[in-house]
Amino acid sequence: MVNLLRLILMLVVYVVACHATVNHRCLSGSEMFVCILPSFDYTPGQSIPLFDLPADVQAIRFIHPFSNTHGSDNNILMYDRILHRQLNSPRAIELSGAYLTAIEVPSDLEYADFFSNDLKEVHVPANQSYALRYLDLSLNNRIILPQGLENVSRLVNLETLHLSSCSIEVLPPNMFENLNRLAHLTLAGNGLHQIDLNKLPISLSLLRLDVNAIAKLSLPGNARLPLLEDLNLEYNELTELNVSALVETAPKLRLFSLGRNLLKRPVLNDILDELNRRNIAYYNMETYDKLCGDHEVYYRGVCMSEEFFLISWTDWLGLVLLFVGLVALVGGVAFGGYKLWKRYPNINFGLRSNSS
């Protein structure tokens, strides 16, 4: 009898322990809105996590645990279909800062925020349809290119794609080939030296290319972005820009941010005058847009480097050469006049008066 009681007690303790360690629950009060779950250790192929979630939960957000009693790293290394199914197949998922290395996109997922992880590859299996409309992969600077992103073109319902700060220098070819609904695309904070506008979806209404290394914006006559309204090219290396060609490419452009480039003042003035003439804004009206950083100046609504007002050594050289040329010209004229006066000292250069 005693042994039987001990066995029952051991079973109860075991069940309670397992329930406490593997049955993950939403934080109290979050179930009605977004189910908030503390993150945990998950590696594909190992133990499958168990959850105790309300049946009607549509969105899951992972956060770092408030305490770590088990001494684990709480790293979810992959968001795959098994984990998605165990979470009752939510329509929206937010999983940031969890050292995630790979994603296998589920067919029924509509919103995915994987900001600030260690992603190397996004798996989008072929021969399936995908409901995903929003995807944030920003601040994942270990993505293996081009294979890490080349299958994104299969997400044909995608409307917003964030790829800022992903260390992208060259975009994978045909990456946007089937993204005919993509409206918002952010590629800020990468290492892009050029961008082929012909490869971008014509459905874009917002395009962020700021904080890159673009020295020239190629605007071929056949490039068309008929719905583009907001274009950001701040913090690049532009030295010139054809506004007429830009407007021909994006006839609905309403906001064009171009501060903090390498434009000289006469070039910038011409660009801003042309933008004003076409009623295209080049800065937002918010207060923070007027706050320039250290070693920057505020000029006509845009922030530019202090060097914008400084004369470069080539300009100084040009001014010096111009001054020397003028001095030489004046000296030559004076010397020639002096030589003539010495040769013909008796010449009367005054007007001859009428004889009476």
Protein backbone atom coordinates (compact mmCIF):
# COMPACT_ATOMS: atom_id res chain seq x y z
CA MET A 1 0.00 0.00 0.00
CA VAL A 2 2.82 2.37 0.88
CA ASN A 3 4.57 1.60 -2.40
CA LEU A 4 1.37 2.30 -4.30
CA LEU A 5 0.99 5.69 -2.62
CA ARG A 6 4.60 6.52 -3.44
CA LEU A 7 4.03 5.59 -7.08
CA ILE A 8 0.90 7.74 -7.28
CA LEU A 9 2.75 10.67 -5.68
CA MET A 10 5.64 10.32 -8.14
CA LEU A 11 3.23 10.28 -11.06
CA VAL A 12 1.47 13.40 -9.80
CA VAL A 13 4.78 15.24 -9.36
CA TYR A 14 5.91 14.15 -12.82
CA VAL A 15 2.69 15.29 -14.49
CA VAL A 16 2.77 18.65 -12.70
CA ALA A 17 6.43 19.16 -13.60
CA CYS A 18 5.85 18.33 -17.25
CA HIS A 19 2.81 20.56 -17.35
CA ALA A 20 4.82 23.43 -15.87
CA THR A 21 7.72 23.07 -18.27
CA VAL A 22 6.13 22.31 -21.62
CA ASN A 23 2.62 23.78 -21.53
CA HIS A 24 3.19 27.43 -22.44
CA ARG A 25 0.35 29.84 -21.73
CA CYS A 26 -0.47 33.40 -22.73
CA LEU A 27 0.36 36.03 -20.15
CA SER A 28 -2.76 36.85 -18.18
CA GLY A 29 -4.87 39.55 -19.77
CA SER A 30 -3.35 39.27 -23.23
CA GLU A 31 -5.58 36.52 -24.60
CA MET A 32 -8.33 38.81 -25.87
CA PHE A 33 -5.96 40.92 -27.98
CA VAL A 34 -2.55 39.46 -28.77
CA CYS A 35 -1.42 36.34 -26.96
CA ILE A 36 1.91 37.26 -25.34
CA LEU A 37 4.19 34.30 -24.73
CA PRO A 38 7.57 34.26 -22.99
CA SER A 39 10.16 32.84 -25.38
CA PHE A 40 11.78 29.47 -24.79
CA ASP A 41 14.39 27.17 -26.30
CA TYR A 42 13.33 25.60 -29.57
CA THR A 43 15.47 23.76 -32.09
CA PRO A 44 13.85 21.86 -35.01
CA GLY A 45 14.09 18.10 -34.64
CA GLN A 46 14.17 18.16 -30.87
CA SER A 47 11.31 18.24 -28.38
CA ILE A 48 8.06 19.66 -29.75
CA PRO A 49 6.73 22.44 -27.51
CA LEU A 50 3.21 22.19 -26.11
CA PHE A 51 0.89 25.14 -25.57
CA ASP A 52 -2.30 25.78 -23.65
CA LEU A 53 -3.86 28.54 -25.76
CA PRO A 54 -7.41 29.80 -26.25
CA ALA A 55 -8.92 28.38 -29.41
CA ASP A 56 -9.70 31.82 -30.88
CA VAL A 57 -6.20 33.33 -30.58
CA GLN A 58 -5.28 34.95 -33.91
CA ALA A 59 -1.99 36.70 -33.06
CA ILE A 60 1.10 35.65 -31.08
CA ARG A 61 3.81 37.91 -29.72
CA PHE A 62 6.94 36.51 -28.09
CA ILE A 63 8.79 38.43 -25.39
CA HIS A 64 11.82 37.71 -23.22
CA PRO A 65 10.86 35.97 -19.97
CA PHE A 66 10.70 38.11 -16.86
CA SER A 67 12.76 35.50 -15.03
CA ASN A 68 14.88 32.56 -16.10
CA THR A 69 14.42 29.79 -13.57
CA HIS A 70 15.58 26.96 -15.83
CA GLY A 71 18.89 28.50 -16.91
CA SER A 72 18.02 28.27 -20.62
CA ASP A 73 18.89 30.74 -23.38
CA ASN A 74 15.26 31.08 -24.50
CA ASN A 75 16.31 31.09 -28.15
CA ILE A 76 13.85 30.03 -30.85
CA LEU A 77 16.23 29.08 -33.65
CA MET A 78 13.61 28.47 -36.34
CA TYR A 79 9.99 29.35 -36.94
CA ASP A 80 8.80 26.33 -38.89
CA ARG A 81 5.46 24.74 -39.71
CA ILE A 82 5.57 22.46 -36.69
CA LEU A 83 5.89 25.38 -34.29
CA HIS A 84 3.25 27.28 -36.24
CA ARG A 85 0.83 24.36 -35.98
CA GLN A 86 1.50 23.96 -32.26
CA LEU A 87 0.57 27.63 -31.83
CA ASN A 88 -2.85 26.88 -33.37
CA SER A 89 -1.79 28.43 -36.71
CA PRO A 90 -2.09 32.13 -35.82
CA ARG A 91 -2.66 34.70 -38.57
CA ALA A 92 -0.03 37.05 -37.09
CA ILE A 93 3.32 36.39 -35.42
CA GLU A 94 5.85 38.75 -33.82
CA LEU A 95 9.19 37.19 -32.93
CA SER A 96 12.03 39.69 -32.47
CA GLY A 97 15.42 39.42 -30.82
CA ALA A 98 15.25 35.64 -30.40
CA TYR A 99 18.37 34.67 -32.40
CA LEU A 100 16.14 33.19 -35.07
CA THR A 101 18.24 31.73 -37.90
CA ALA A 102 15.62 30.48 -40.38
CA ILE A 103 11.95 30.85 -41.30
CA GLU A 104 9.65 28.42 -43.04
CA VAL A 105 6.70 30.53 -44.15
CA PRO A 106 3.33 28.86 -43.41
CA SER A 107 0.71 29.17 -46.11
CA ASP A 108 -1.95 30.71 -43.83
CA LEU A 109 0.24 33.30 -42.05
CA GLU A 110 -0.75 36.89 -42.95
CA TYR A 111 1.47 39.09 -40.74
CA ALA A 112 5.07 38.30 -39.76
CA ASP A 113 7.48 40.49 -37.80
CA PHE A 114 10.93 38.92 -37.45
CA PHE A 115 12.80 42.15 -36.70
CA SER A 116 16.34 41.96 -35.24
CA ASN A 117 17.34 38.31 -35.43
CA ASP A 118 20.14 36.25 -36.98
CA LEU A 119 18.22 35.11 -40.04
CA LYS A 120 20.20 33.46 -42.79
CA GLU A 121 17.42 32.18 -45.04
CA VAL A 122 13.70 32.49 -45.66
CA HIS A 123 12.18 29.21 -46.87
CA VAL A 124 9.16 29.60 -49.14
CA PRO A 125 8.33 26.14 -50.56
CA ALA A 126 7.11 26.03 -54.15
CA ASN A 127 3.74 24.83 -55.45
CA GLN A 128 1.79 26.48 -52.63
CA SER A 129 -0.23 29.64 -52.19
CA TYR A 130 0.61 32.11 -49.43
CA ALA A 131 -1.58 34.59 -47.57
CA LEU A 132 1.32 36.67 -46.19
CA ARG A 133 0.70 40.41 -46.65
CA TYR A 134 3.19 41.97 -44.20
CA LEU A 135 6.80 40.84 -43.66
CA ASP A 136 9.44 42.62 -41.57
CA LEU A 137 12.97 41.23 -41.85
CA SER A 138 14.81 44.41 -40.85
CA LEU A 139 18.03 44.24 -38.83
CA ASN A 140 18.93 40.73 -39.96
CA ASN A 141 22.43 41.29 -41.30
CA ARG A 142 23.42 37.64 -41.73
CA ILE A 143 21.08 36.78 -44.58
CA ILE A 144 22.88 34.63 -47.16
CA LEU A 145 22.45 36.25 -50.57
CA PRO A 146 21.06 35.65 -53.06
CA GLN A 147 19.52 32.33 -51.97
CA GLY A 148 18.36 33.67 -48.63
CA LEU A 149 15.79 35.97 -50.26
CA GLU A 150 15.31 34.74 -53.81
CA ASN A 151 12.12 32.80 -52.96
CA VAL A 152 10.39 35.88 -51.55
CA SER A 153 8.94 36.34 -55.04
CA ARG A 154 6.54 33.47 -54.25
CA LEU A 155 4.74 35.62 -51.66
CA VAL A 156 2.42 37.07 -54.27
CA ASN A 157 0.03 38.70 -51.76
CA LEU A 158 2.77 40.69 -50.04
CA GLU A 159 1.88 44.38 -49.58
CA THR A 160 4.62 45.55 -47.17
CA LEU A 161 8.22 44.34 -47.10
CA HIS A 162 10.85 45.73 -44.71
CA LEU A 163 14.48 44.86 -45.49
CA SER A 164 16.32 47.68 -43.75
CA SER A 165 19.77 47.10 -42.22
CA CYS A 166 20.26 43.66 -43.75
CA SER A 167 23.73 44.30 -45.27
CA ILE A 168 22.35 43.95 -48.80
CA GLU A 169 24.73 45.28 -51.46
CA VAL A 170 23.07 43.69 -54.50
CA LEU A 171 19.42 42.67 -54.68
CA PRO A 172 18.78 39.10 -55.85
CA PRO A 173 17.64 39.00 -59.49
CA ASN A 174 13.90 38.56 -60.04
CA MET A 175 13.28 39.00 -56.33
CA PHE A 176 10.24 41.22 -56.98
CA GLU A 177 9.09 39.43 -60.13
CA ASN A 178 5.64 38.35 -58.90
CA LEU A 179 5.05 40.90 -56.14
CA ASN A 180 2.36 42.80 -58.01
CA ARG A 181 0.62 43.97 -54.82
CA LEU A 182 3.69 45.30 -53.02
CA ALA A 183 3.00 48.90 -51.96
CA HIS A 184 5.62 49.63 -49.27
CA LEU A 185 9.27 48.64 -49.68
CA THR A 186 12.05 49.73 -47.31
CA LEU A 187 15.69 49.06 -48.18
CA ALA A 188 17.27 51.65 -45.88
CA GLY A 189 20.57 51.15 -44.11
CA ASN A 190 22.08 48.67 -46.56
CA GLY A 191 25.13 48.90 -48.83
CA LEU A 192 23.36 49.44 -52.14
CA HIS A 193 25.45 51.28 -54.73
CA GLN A 194 22.79 51.24 -57.41
CA ILE A 195 19.15 50.35 -57.87
CA ASP A 196 17.44 49.14 -61.02
CA LEU A 197 14.02 50.77 -61.01
CA ASN A 198 12.90 48.47 -63.82
CA LYS A 199 13.12 45.52 -61.40
CA LEU A 200 10.78 47.08 -58.83
CA PRO A 201 7.02 46.42 -58.75
CA ILE A 202 4.97 49.11 -60.45
CA SER A 203 2.52 48.88 -57.53
CA LEU A 204 4.89 50.69 -55.12
CA SER A 205 3.56 53.80 -53.39
CA LEU A 206 6.43 54.13 -50.86
CA LEU A 207 10.11 53.39 -51.44
CA ARG A 208 12.86 53.97 -48.86
CA LEU A 209 16.44 53.88 -50.11
CA ASP A 210 18.00 56.15 -47.48
CA VAL A 211 21.34 55.42 -45.78
CA ASN A 212 22.92 53.60 -48.71
CA ALA A 213 25.81 54.38 -51.05
CA ILE A 214 23.90 55.31 -54.21
CA ALA A 215 25.97 57.80 -56.22
CA LYS A 216 23.70 58.04 -59.25
CA LEU A 217 20.00 57.39 -59.68
CA SER A 218 19.56 55.84 -63.11
CA LEU A 219 16.24 56.88 -64.63
CA PRO A 220 15.84 55.05 -67.94
CA GLY A 221 12.96 56.19 -70.08
CA ASN A 222 11.22 52.82 -69.86
CA ALA A 223 11.15 52.74 -66.04
CA ARG A 224 7.69 53.35 -64.62
CA LEU A 225 6.49 53.66 -61.02
CA PRO A 226 3.05 55.16 -61.69
CA LEU A 227 1.77 54.90 -58.09
CA LEU A 228 4.89 56.03 -56.23
CA GLU A 229 4.15 58.96 -53.89
CA ASP A 230 6.93 58.82 -51.28
CA LEU A 231 10.62 58.37 -52.19
CA ASN A 232 13.43 58.68 -49.64
CA LEU A 233 17.03 59.00 -50.85
CA GLU A 234 18.57 60.74 -47.84
CA TYR A 235 22.08 59.84 -46.66
CA ASN A 236 23.39 58.72 -50.04
CA GLU A 237 26.18 59.95 -52.33
CA LEU A 238 24.19 61.73 -55.03
CA THR A 239 25.95 64.62 -56.76
CA GLU A 240 23.27 65.29 -59.39
CA LEU A 241 19.67 64.47 -60.18
CA ASN A 242 17.38 64.90 -63.18
CA VAL A 243 14.08 66.00 -61.65
CA SER A 244 12.26 65.94 -65.00
CA ALA A 245 13.25 62.31 -65.59
CA LEU A 246 12.28 61.45 -62.01
CA VAL A 247 8.81 62.93 -62.44
CA GLU A 248 8.42 61.13 -65.74
CA THR A 249 9.20 57.86 -63.94
CA ALA A 250 6.98 58.65 -60.92
CA PRO A 251 4.29 61.11 -62.05
CA LYS A 252 2.38 60.91 -58.73
CA LEU A 253 5.41 61.73 -56.56
CA ARG A 254 4.41 63.93 -53.60
CA LEU A 255 7.34 63.64 -51.17
CA PHE A 256 10.98 63.31 -52.19
CA SER A 257 13.50 63.33 -49.31
CA LEU A 258 17.03 64.06 -50.56
CA GLY A 259 18.92 65.76 -47.73
CA ARG A 260 22.38 64.73 -46.56
CA ASN A 261 23.69 63.92 -50.03
CA LEU A 262 26.84 65.25 -51.73
CA LEU A 263 24.98 67.86 -53.75
CA LYS A 264 26.65 71.24 -54.15
CA ARG A 265 24.66 74.33 -53.34
CA PRO A 266 23.95 75.47 -56.94
CA VAL A 267 22.86 71.94 -57.88
CA LEU A 268 20.67 71.61 -54.78
CA ASN A 269 19.09 75.02 -55.41
CA ASP A 270 18.18 74.01 -58.95
CA ILE A 271 16.68 70.73 -57.73
CA LEU A 272 14.65 72.38 -54.96
CA ASP A 273 13.42 75.11 -57.30
CA GLU A 274 12.24 72.47 -59.76
CA LEU A 275 10.55 70.46 -56.99
CA ASN A 276 8.78 73.60 -55.78
CA ARG A 277 7.63 74.37 -59.30
CA ARG A 278 6.11 70.88 -59.54
CA ASN A 279 4.55 71.05 -56.03
CA ILE A 280 6.65 68.15 -54.73
CA ALA A 281 7.59 68.37 -51.05
CA TYR A 282 11.15 67.51 -50.07
CA TYR A 283 10.71 67.42 -46.28
CA ASN A 284 8.02 66.47 -43.78
CA MET A 285 6.30 69.02 -41.58
CA GLU A 286 7.04 67.23 -38.30
CA THR A 287 9.32 69.05 -35.84
CA TYR A 288 11.89 66.26 -35.70
CA ASP A 289 12.54 66.63 -39.43
CA LYS A 290 13.97 70.09 -38.75
CA LEU A 291 16.46 68.78 -36.19
CA CYS A 292 19.80 68.29 -37.90
CA GLY A 293 22.64 66.31 -36.39
CA ASP A 294 26.11 67.36 -35.35
CA HIS A 295 28.15 68.96 -38.13
CA GLU A 296 24.98 69.55 -40.15
CA VAL A 297 23.20 72.72 -41.24
CA TYR A 298 19.54 73.37 -42.01
CA TYR A 299 19.15 74.84 -45.49
CA ARG A 300 15.86 75.42 -47.30
CA GLY A 301 14.13 72.67 -45.36
CA VAL A 302 16.81 69.98 -45.69
CA CYS A 303 19.77 69.00 -43.54
CA MET A 304 23.15 69.09 -45.23
CA SER A 305 26.72 68.52 -44.09
CA GLU A 306 28.72 71.55 -42.91
CA GLU A 307 30.95 70.96 -45.92
CA PHE A 308 27.97 72.01 -48.04
CA PHE A 309 28.92 75.65 -47.31
CA LEU A 310 32.66 75.14 -47.57
CA ILE A 311 34.58 75.72 -50.78
CA SER A 312 36.46 72.61 -51.90
CA TRP A 313 40.12 72.74 -52.88
CA THR A 314 39.18 72.37 -56.54
CA ASP A 315 36.92 75.42 -56.27
CA TRP A 316 39.69 77.33 -54.51
CA LEU A 317 42.09 76.33 -57.27
CA GLY A 318 39.62 77.56 -59.86
CA LEU A 319 39.27 80.91 -58.09
CA VAL A 320 43.05 81.28 -57.81
CA LEU A 321 43.52 80.49 -61.49
CA LEU A 322 40.80 82.99 -62.40
CA PHE A 323 42.44 85.68 -60.28
CA VAL A 324 45.86 84.97 -61.81
CA GLY A 325 44.34 85.14 -65.28
CA LEU A 326 42.70 88.50 -64.57
CA VAL A 327 45.95 89.87 -63.16
CA ALA A 328 47.82 88.63 -66.21
CA LEU A 329 45.25 90.20 -68.53
CA VAL A 330 45.38 93.59 -66.80
CA GLY A 331 49.17 93.43 -66.66
CA GLY A 332 49.35 92.55 -70.35
CA VAL A 333 47.12 95.46 -71.34
CA ALA A 334 49.13 97.87 -69.19
CA PHE A 335 52.44 96.58 -70.53
CA GLY A 336 51.22 96.85 -74.13
CA GLY A 337 50.08 100.44 -73.57
CA TYR A 338 53.41 101.33 -72.02
CA LYS A 339 55.34 99.86 -74.97
CA LEU A 340 53.21 101.84 -77.45
CA TRP A 341 53.78 105.05 -75.50
CA LYS A 342 57.55 104.46 -75.48
CA ARG A 343 57.65 103.79 -79.24
CA TYR A 344 55.43 106.68 -80.28
CA PRO A 345 55.91 109.36 -77.63
CA ASN A 346 54.71 112.25 -79.85
CA ILE A 347 51.39 110.72 -80.85
CA ASN A 348 48.50 112.91 -79.78
CA PHE A 349 45.74 110.60 -78.63
CA GLY A 350 43.33 113.51 -78.12
CA LEU A 351 40.61 114.55 -80.62
CA ARG A 352 41.74 116.84 -83.44
CA SER A 353 40.05 120.27 -83.14
CA ASN A 354 38.52 122.11 -86.14
CA SER A 355 40.75 124.80 -87.65
CA SER A 356 39.31 128.28 -87.62
